[in-house]
């Protein structure tokens, strides 16, 4: 993970800390604003995402259409502050939820463009399209770090293609976050809430293999009774 981070351009590098340190979905990381960061209370308010609808970008509610709060580790807070010192947040205006022309007054009111200062933008000072990021930032960093093979030639037409890397996508940082929280001894209920899972049972089923010595603390409690 750190090798991939080191291989990324400076303006995108801190997204690794956002993904792995806060467990955000990619669109949520790309939609993060300074106003969402409460450094004093060490909390990040996950309020929106940047998503693609019919090949156009728009703002929308977070994954699952629910806002949530996530603890802000000190190391991630410092990474955000360092990033803002070099790359000033940029106000970006996008439609809300659907970029299609509204057909009713209610749709027009709901979809009206909204402006947020984004922590990460492209060189053109616009919101980052995840398809561009994945193809031209993330995958080259994976290759440079040795996670996937460098560009090779596809037999037949000579086109240069990358090794399939779905399991190594940006989403892998979210898995890293969940596994680290559980291995550290957090109750599954807390990471489930921070990840935005509506059912902690889903989190348990998905990450139960990361629970350290399952049952060990309960066994110690029983031993203490009969000691």
C-alpha atoms as a PDB file:
ATOM      1  CA  UNK A   1       0.000   0.000   0.000  1.00  0.00           C
ATOM      2  CA  UNK A   2       2.790   2.429   0.896  1.00  0.00           C
ATOM      3  CA  UNK A   3       4.663   1.537  -2.288  1.00  0.00           C
ATOM      4  CA  UNK A   4       1.579   2.334  -4.369  1.00  0.00           C
ATOM      5  CA  UNK A   5       1.209   5.613  -2.513  1.00  0.00           C
ATOM      6  CA  UNK A   6       4.828   6.556  -3.203  1.00  0.00           C
ATOM      7  CA  UNK A   7       4.336   5.841  -6.921  1.00  0.00           C
ATOM      8  CA  UNK A   8       1.412   8.253  -7.292  1.00  0.00           C
ATOM      9  CA  UNK A   9       1.605  11.934  -8.330  1.00  0.00           C
ATOM     10  CA  UNK A  10       1.703  14.336  -5.387  1.00  0.00           C
ATOM     11  CA  UNK A  11      -1.766  15.773  -5.936  1.00  0.00           C
ATOM     12  CA  UNK A  12      -3.407  12.342  -5.613  1.00  0.00           C
ATOM     13  CA  UNK A  13      -1.126  10.703  -3.068  1.00  0.00           C
ATOM     14  CA  UNK A  14      -3.093  11.532   0.050  1.00  0.00           C
ATOM     15  CA  UNK A  15      -6.114   9.649  -1.357  1.00  0.00           C
ATOM     16  CA  UNK A  16      -4.366   6.488  -0.152  1.00  0.00           C
ATOM     17  CA  UNK A  17      -4.501   7.782   3.417  1.00  0.00           C
ATOM     18  CA  UNK A  18      -8.150   8.747   2.917  1.00  0.00           C
ATOM     19  CA  UNK A  19      -9.091   5.320   1.565  1.00  0.00           C
ATOM     20  CA  UNK A  20      -7.038   3.254   3.998  1.00  0.00           C
ATOM     21  CA  UNK A  21      -7.366   5.571   6.997  1.00  0.00           C
ATOM     22  CA  UNK A  22     -11.072   6.378   6.778  1.00  0.00           C
ATOM     23  CA  UNK A  23     -12.468   3.438   4.801  1.00  0.00           C
ATOM     24  CA  UNK A  24     -14.221   5.666   2.265  1.00  0.00           C
ATOM     25  CA  UNK A  25     -15.630   4.525  -1.047  1.00  0.00           C
ATOM     26  CA  UNK A  26     -13.743   6.042  -3.973  1.00  0.00           C
ATOM     27  CA  UNK A  27     -16.503   8.504  -4.873  1.00  0.00           C
ATOM     28  CA  UNK A  28     -16.709   9.636  -1.237  1.00  0.00           C
ATOM     29  CA  UNK A  29     -12.948  10.268  -1.150  1.00  0.00           C
ATOM     30  CA  UNK A  30     -13.192  12.314  -4.358  1.00  0.00           C
ATOM     31  CA  UNK A  31     -16.099  14.339  -2.921  1.00  0.00           C
ATOM     32  CA  UNK A  32     -14.462  15.187   0.402  1.00  0.00           C
ATOM     33  CA  UNK A  33     -14.388  18.871   1.356  1.00  0.00           C
ATOM     34  CA  UNK A  34     -12.508  20.765   4.099  1.00  0.00           C
ATOM     35  CA  UNK A  35     -15.884  21.611   5.634  1.00  0.00           C
ATOM     36  CA  UNK A  36     -16.379  17.891   6.262  1.00  0.00           C
ATOM     37  CA  UNK A  37     -13.269  17.664   8.456  1.00  0.00           C
ATOM     38  CA  UNK A  38     -13.606  18.467  12.154  1.00  0.00           C
ATOM     39  CA  UNK A  39      -9.987  18.503  13.271  1.00  0.00           C
ATOM     40  CA  UNK A  40     -10.877  19.520  16.844  1.00  0.00           C
ATOM     41  CA  UNK A  41     -13.284  16.636  17.436  1.00  0.00           C
ATOM     42  CA  UNK A  42     -11.274  14.262  15.214  1.00  0.00           C
ATOM     43  CA  UNK A  43     -14.263  13.352  13.077  1.00  0.00           C
ATOM     44  CA  UNK A  44     -14.903  13.269   9.333  1.00  0.00           C
ATOM     45  CA  UNK A  45     -18.485  13.865   8.201  1.00  0.00           C
ATOM     46  CA  UNK A  46     -19.100  11.758   5.077  1.00  0.00           C
ATOM     47  CA  UNK A  47     -21.800  13.772   3.340  1.00  0.00           C
ATOM     48  CA  UNK A  48     -21.436  13.278  -0.396  1.00  0.00           C
ATOM     49  CA  UNK A  49     -19.727  11.498  -3.243  1.00  0.00           C
ATOM     50  CA  UNK A  50     -18.739  12.350  -6.802  1.00  0.00           C
ATOM     51  CA  UNK A  51     -20.403   9.826  -9.066  1.00  0.00           C
ATOM     52  CA  UNK A  52     -20.787   9.246 -12.783  1.00  0.00           C
ATOM     53  CA  UNK A  53     -24.263   9.180 -14.301  1.00  0.00           C
ATOM     54  CA  UNK A  54     -24.536   8.700 -18.066  1.00  0.00           C
ATOM     55  CA  UNK A  55     -20.866   9.639 -18.489  1.00  0.00           C
ATOM     56  CA  UNK A  56     -21.268  12.926 -16.587  1.00  0.00           C
ATOM     57  CA  UNK A  57     -20.143  13.849 -13.080  1.00  0.00           C
ATOM     58  CA  UNK A  58     -22.476  14.942 -10.322  1.00  0.00           C
ATOM     59  CA  UNK A  59     -22.600  15.185  -6.543  1.00  0.00           C
ATOM     60  CA  UNK A  60     -24.790  12.748  -4.635  1.00  0.00           C
ATOM     61  CA  UNK A  61     -25.351  11.353  -1.177  1.00  0.00           C
ATOM     62  CA  UNK A  62     -22.751   8.818   0.020  1.00  0.00           C
ATOM     63  CA  UNK A  63     -22.984   5.166  -0.918  1.00  0.00           C
ATOM     64  CA  UNK A  64     -26.207   3.771   0.519  1.00  0.00           C
ATOM     65  CA  UNK A  65     -27.655   7.313   0.474  1.00  0.00           C
ATOM     66  CA  UNK A  66     -26.813   7.867   4.147  1.00  0.00           C
ATOM     67  CA  UNK A  67     -24.425  10.354   5.711  1.00  0.00           C
ATOM     68  CA  UNK A  68     -22.169   9.087   8.481  1.00  0.00           C
ATOM     69  CA  UNK A  69     -19.289  10.083  10.745  1.00  0.00           C
ATOM     70  CA  UNK A  70     -15.876   8.405  10.762  1.00  0.00           C
ATOM     71  CA  UNK A  71     -13.107   8.803  13.366  1.00  0.00           C
ATOM     72  CA  UNK A  72     -10.169  10.881  12.110  1.00  0.00           C
ATOM     73  CA  UNK A  73      -6.778   9.350  13.019  1.00  0.00           C
ATOM     74  CA  UNK A  74      -4.047  11.878  13.774  1.00  0.00           C
ATOM     75  CA  UNK A  75      -1.866  10.613  10.906  1.00  0.00           C
ATOM     76  CA  UNK A  76      -4.691  11.102   8.417  1.00  0.00           C
ATOM     77  CA  UNK A  77      -5.449  14.570   9.792  1.00  0.00           C
ATOM     78  CA  UNK A  78      -1.813  15.532   9.243  1.00  0.00           C
ATOM     79  CA  UNK A  79      -1.896  14.143   5.703  1.00  0.00           C
ATOM     80  CA  UNK A  80      -4.973  16.245   4.921  1.00  0.00           C
ATOM     81  CA  UNK A  81      -3.387  19.376   6.366  1.00  0.00           C
ATOM     82  CA  UNK A  82      -0.163  18.800   4.420  1.00  0.00           C
ATOM     83  CA  UNK A  83      -2.147  18.283   1.235  1.00  0.00           C
ATOM     84  CA  UNK A  84      -4.127  21.510   1.709  1.00  0.00           C
ATOM     85  CA  UNK A  85      -0.900  23.460   2.262  1.00  0.00           C
ATOM     86  CA  UNK A  86       0.310  22.425  -1.200  1.00  0.00           C
ATOM     87  CA  UNK A  87      -2.976  22.066  -3.086  1.00  0.00           C
ATOM     88  CA  UNK A  88      -5.536  24.676  -2.071  1.00  0.00           C
ATOM     89  CA  UNK A  89      -9.096  23.246  -2.089  1.00  0.00           C
ATOM     90  CA  UNK A  90     -10.984  24.271  -5.225  1.00  0.00           C
ATOM     91  CA  UNK A  91     -14.693  25.219  -5.369  1.00  0.00           C
ATOM     92  CA  UNK A  92     -16.413  22.861  -7.802  1.00  0.00           C
ATOM     93  CA  UNK A  93     -20.009  23.127  -9.011  1.00  0.00           C
ATOM     94  CA  UNK A  94     -21.896  20.029 -10.174  1.00  0.00           C
ATOM     95  CA  UNK A  95     -25.545  18.967 -10.480  1.00  0.00           C
ATOM     96  CA  UNK A  96     -26.978  17.020  -7.589  1.00  0.00           C
ATOM     97  CA  UNK A  97     -27.728  13.324  -8.034  1.00  0.00           C
ATOM     98  CA  UNK A  98     -28.515  13.396 -11.756  1.00  0.00           C
ATOM     99  CA  UNK A  99     -27.015  15.618 -14.490  1.00  0.00           C
ATOM    100  CA  UNK A 100     -29.950  15.076 -16.879  1.00  0.00           C
ATOM    101  CA  UNK A 101     -32.140  18.126 -17.601  1.00  0.00           C
ATOM    102  CA  UNK A 102     -35.010  18.194 -15.080  1.00  0.00           C
ATOM    103  CA  UNK A 103     -38.513  17.591 -16.342  1.00  0.00           C
ATOM    104  CA  UNK A 104     -40.450  19.004 -13.395  1.00  0.00           C
ATOM    105  CA  UNK A 105     -40.040  21.896 -10.990  1.00  0.00           C
ATOM    106  CA  UNK A 106     -39.447  19.419  -8.175  1.00  0.00           C
ATOM    107  CA  UNK A 107     -36.619  17.772 -10.122  1.00  0.00           C
ATOM    108  CA  UNK A 108     -35.165  21.178 -10.945  1.00  0.00           C
ATOM    109  CA  UNK A 109     -35.102  22.119  -7.271  1.00  0.00           C
ATOM    110  CA  UNK A 110     -33.625  18.781  -6.183  1.00  0.00           C
ATOM    111  CA  UNK A 111     -30.991  18.583  -8.912  1.00  0.00           C
ATOM    112  CA  UNK A 112     -29.921  22.224  -8.778  1.00  0.00           C
ATOM    113  CA  UNK A 113     -26.131  22.579  -9.017  1.00  0.00           C
ATOM    114  CA  UNK A 114     -24.284  22.730  -5.739  1.00  0.00           C
ATOM    115  CA  UNK A 115     -20.811  24.022  -5.005  1.00  0.00           C
ATOM    116  CA  UNK A 116     -18.307  22.454  -2.623  1.00  0.00           C
ATOM    117  CA  UNK A 117     -14.595  23.062  -2.160  1.00  0.00           C
ATOM    118  CA  UNK A 118     -12.959  19.730  -2.933  1.00  0.00           C
ATOM    119  CA  UNK A 119      -9.747  18.508  -1.347  1.00  0.00           C
ATOM    120  CA  UNK A 120      -8.677  16.732  -4.526  1.00  0.00           C
ATOM    121  CA  UNK A 121      -9.123  18.009  -8.065  1.00  0.00           C
ATOM    122  CA  UNK A 122      -7.384  17.400 -11.364  1.00  0.00           C
ATOM    123  CA  UNK A 123      -4.894  19.729 -13.007  1.00  0.00           C
ATOM    124  CA  UNK A 124      -7.823  21.507 -14.684  1.00  0.00           C
ATOM    125  CA  UNK A 125      -9.208  22.340 -11.193  1.00  0.00           C
ATOM    126  CA  UNK A 126     -12.238  20.140 -11.764  1.00  0.00           C
ATOM    127  CA  UNK A 127     -13.680  17.132  -9.917  1.00  0.00           C
ATOM    128  CA  UNK A 128     -11.770  13.937 -10.635  1.00  0.00           C
ATOM    129  CA  UNK A 129     -13.419  11.359 -12.875  1.00  0.00           C
ATOM    130  CA  UNK A 130     -12.791   7.980 -11.278  1.00  0.00           C
ATOM    131  CA  UNK A 131     -12.383   6.312 -14.675  1.00  0.00           C
ATOM    132  CA  UNK A 132      -9.509   8.648 -15.496  1.00  0.00           C
ATOM    133  CA  UNK A 133      -8.006   8.195 -12.048  1.00  0.00           C
ATOM    134  CA  UNK A 134      -8.189   4.406 -12.182  1.00  0.00           C
ATOM    135  CA  UNK A 135      -6.665   4.164 -15.674  1.00  0.00           C
ATOM    136  CA  UNK A 136      -4.019   6.883 -15.582  1.00  0.00           C
ATOM    137  CA  UNK A 137      -3.109   7.254 -11.895  1.00  0.00           C
ATOM    138  CA  UNK A 138      -3.998   4.152  -9.914  1.00  0.00           C
ATOM    139  CA  UNK A 139      -3.023   1.365 -12.325  1.00  0.00           C
ATOM    140  CA  UNK A 140       0.327   2.926 -13.286  1.00  0.00           C
ATOM    141  CA  UNK A 141       1.093   3.222  -9.565  1.00  0.00           C
ATOM    142  CA  UNK A 142       0.177  -0.442  -9.054  1.00  0.00           C
ATOM    143  CA  UNK A 143       2.544  -1.395 -11.860  1.00  0.00           C
ATOM    144  CA  UNK A 144       5.363   0.783 -10.568  1.00  0.00           C
ATOM    145  CA  UNK A 145       4.963  -0.736  -7.112  1.00  0.00           C
ATOM    146  CA  UNK A 146       5.088  -4.251  -8.567  1.00  0.00           C
ATOM    147  CA  UNK A 147       1.524  -5.172  -7.629  1.00  0.00           C
ATOM    148  CA  UNK A 148       0.599  -5.802 -11.275  1.00  0.00           C
ATOM    149  CA  UNK A 149       2.752  -6.290 -14.350  1.00  0.00           C
ATOM    150  CA  UNK A 150       3.839  -3.292 -16.462  1.00  0.00           C
ATOM    151  CA  UNK A 151       2.072  -2.541 -19.722  1.00  0.00           C
ATOM    152  CA  UNK A 152       2.377  -5.471 -22.105  1.00  0.00           C
ATOM    153  CA  UNK A 153       1.362  -6.155 -25.663  1.00  0.00           C
ATOM    154  CA  UNK A 154      -1.872  -7.910 -26.418  1.00  0.00           C
ATOM    155  CA  UNK A 155      -1.280 -10.750 -28.837  1.00  0.00           C
ATOM    156  CA  UNK A 156      -2.763 -10.138 -32.245  1.00  0.00           C
ATOM    157  CA  UNK A 157      -3.303  -6.396 -32.566  1.00  0.00           C
ATOM    158  CA  UNK A 158      -0.222  -5.087 -30.753  1.00  0.00           C
ATOM    159  CA  UNK A 159      -2.289  -2.933 -28.373  1.00  0.00           C
ATOM    160  CA  UNK A 160      -0.708  -2.216 -25.014  1.00  0.00           C
ATOM    161  CA  UNK A 161      -2.940  -3.476 -22.214  1.00  0.00           C
ATOM    162  CA  UNK A 162      -2.648  -3.796 -18.479  1.00  0.00           C
ATOM    163  CA  UNK A 163      -3.008  -6.938 -16.430  1.00  0.00           C
ATOM    164  CA  UNK A 164      -6.569  -7.302 -15.012  1.00  0.00           C
ATOM    165  CA  UNK A 165      -6.464  -5.885 -11.493  1.00  0.00           C
ATOM    166  CA  UNK A 166     -10.003  -5.736 -10.151  1.00  0.00           C
ATOM    167  CA  UNK A 167      -8.942  -7.150  -6.775  1.00  0.00           C
ATOM    168  CA  UNK A 168      -6.318  -4.408  -6.487  1.00  0.00           C
ATOM    169  CA  UNK A 169      -8.646  -1.482  -7.169  1.00  0.00           C
ATOM    170  CA  UNK A 170      -9.056   1.566  -4.942  1.00  0.00           C
ATOM    171  CA  UNK A 171     -11.645  -0.459  -3.044  1.00  0.00           C
ATOM    172  CA  UNK A 172      -8.810  -2.593  -1.644  1.00  0.00           C
ATOM    173  CA  UNK A 173      -7.968   0.352   0.634  1.00  0.00           C
ATOM    174  CA  UNK A 174     -11.419   0.029   2.181  1.00  0.00           C
ATOM    175  CA  UNK A 175     -10.739  -3.649   2.863  1.00  0.00           C
ATOM    176  CA  UNK A 176      -7.430  -2.664   4.437  1.00  0.00           C
ATOM    177  CA  UNK A 177      -9.248  -0.246   6.748  1.00  0.00           C
ATOM    178  CA  UNK A 178     -11.779  -2.854   7.850  1.00  0.00           C
ATOM    179  CA  UNK A 179      -9.162  -5.541   8.460  1.00  0.00           C
ATOM    180  CA  UNK A 180      -6.909  -3.200  10.460  1.00  0.00           C
ATOM    181  CA  UNK A 181      -9.790  -2.035  12.661  1.00  0.00           C
ATOM    182  CA  UNK A 182     -10.885  -5.591  13.431  1.00  0.00           C
ATOM    183  CA  UNK A 183      -7.359  -6.892  14.005  1.00  0.00           C
ATOM    184  CA  UNK A 184      -6.859  -4.018  16.445  1.00  0.00           C
ATOM    185  CA  UNK A 185      -9.759  -5.372  18.508  1.00  0.00           C
ATOM    186  CA  UNK A 186     -12.578  -2.992  17.549  1.00  0.00           C
ATOM    187  CA  UNK A 187     -16.077  -4.387  17.953  1.00  0.00           C
ATOM    188  CA  UNK A 188     -17.514  -5.310  14.559  1.00  0.00           C
ATOM    189  CA  UNK A 189     -20.384  -2.893  15.233  1.00  0.00           C
ATOM    190  CA  UNK A 190     -18.104   0.159  15.108  1.00  0.00           C
ATOM    191  CA  UNK A 191     -16.346  -0.562  11.775  1.00  0.00           C
ATOM    192  CA  UNK A 192     -19.731  -1.477  10.294  1.00  0.00           C
ATOM    193  CA  UNK A 193     -21.037   1.979  11.201  1.00  0.00           C
ATOM    194  CA  UNK A 194     -17.890   3.739   9.975  1.00  0.00           C
ATOM    195  CA  UNK A 195     -17.945   1.816   6.682  1.00  0.00           C
ATOM    196  CA  UNK A 196     -21.606   2.649   6.142  1.00  0.00           C
ATOM    197  CA  UNK A 197     -22.832  -0.943   6.329  1.00  0.00           C
ATOM    198  CA  UNK A 198     -26.489  -1.033   7.365  1.00  0.00           C
ATOM    199  CA  UNK A 199     -26.083  -4.534   8.799  1.00  0.00           C
ATOM    200  CA  UNK A 200     -23.119  -5.350  11.072  1.00  0.00           C
ATOM    201  CA  UNK A 201     -23.791  -8.981  10.184  1.00  0.00           C
ATOM    202  CA  UNK A 202     -22.610  -8.228   6.648  1.00  0.00           C
ATOM    203  CA  UNK A 203     -19.373  -6.799   8.028  1.00  0.00           C
ATOM    204  CA  UNK A 204     -18.918  -9.840  10.251  1.00  0.00           C
ATOM    205  CA  UNK A 205     -19.479 -12.282   7.399  1.00  0.00           C
ATOM    206  CA  UNK A 206     -17.124 -10.408   5.095  1.00  0.00           C
ATOM    207  CA  UNK A 207     -14.280  -9.830   7.537  1.00  0.00           C
ATOM    208  CA  UNK A 208     -14.664 -12.476  10.246  1.00  0.00           C
ATOM    209  CA  UNK A 209     -11.367 -14.069   9.203  1.00  0.00           C
ATOM    210  CA  UNK A 210      -9.599 -10.918  10.377  1.00  0.00           C
ATOM    211  CA  UNK A 211     -10.909 -11.191  13.932  1.00  0.00           C
ATOM    212  CA  UNK A 212      -7.861 -11.962  16.125  1.00  0.00           C
ATOM    213  CA  UNK A 213      -8.163 -15.109  18.210  1.00  0.00           C
ATOM    214  CA  UNK A 214     -11.944 -15.169  18.070  1.00  0.00           C
ATOM    215  CA  UNK A 215     -13.315 -16.148  21.476  1.00  0.00           C
ATOM    216  CA  UNK A 216     -10.032 -15.619  23.321  1.00  0.00           C
ATOM    217  CA  UNK A 217     -11.242 -12.742  25.478  1.00  0.00           C
ATOM    218  CA  UNK A 218     -14.473 -14.554  26.309  1.00  0.00           C
ATOM    219  CA  UNK A 219     -12.541 -17.690  27.277  1.00  0.00           C
ATOM    220  CA  UNK A 220     -10.271 -15.618  29.510  1.00  0.00           C
ATOM    221  CA  UNK A 221     -13.351 -14.213  31.284  1.00  0.00           C
ATOM    222  CA  UNK A 222     -14.678 -17.713  31.968  1.00  0.00           C
ATOM    223  CA  UNK A 223     -11.251 -18.836  33.171  1.00  0.00           C
ATOM    224  CA  UNK A 224     -11.212 -15.910  35.594  1.00  0.00           C
ATOM    225  CA  UNK A 225     -14.504 -17.077  37.120  1.00  0.00           C
ATOM    226  CA  UNK A 226     -13.335 -20.652  37.742  1.00  0.00           C
ATOM    227  CA  UNK A 227      -9.727 -19.835  38.577  1.00  0.00           C
END
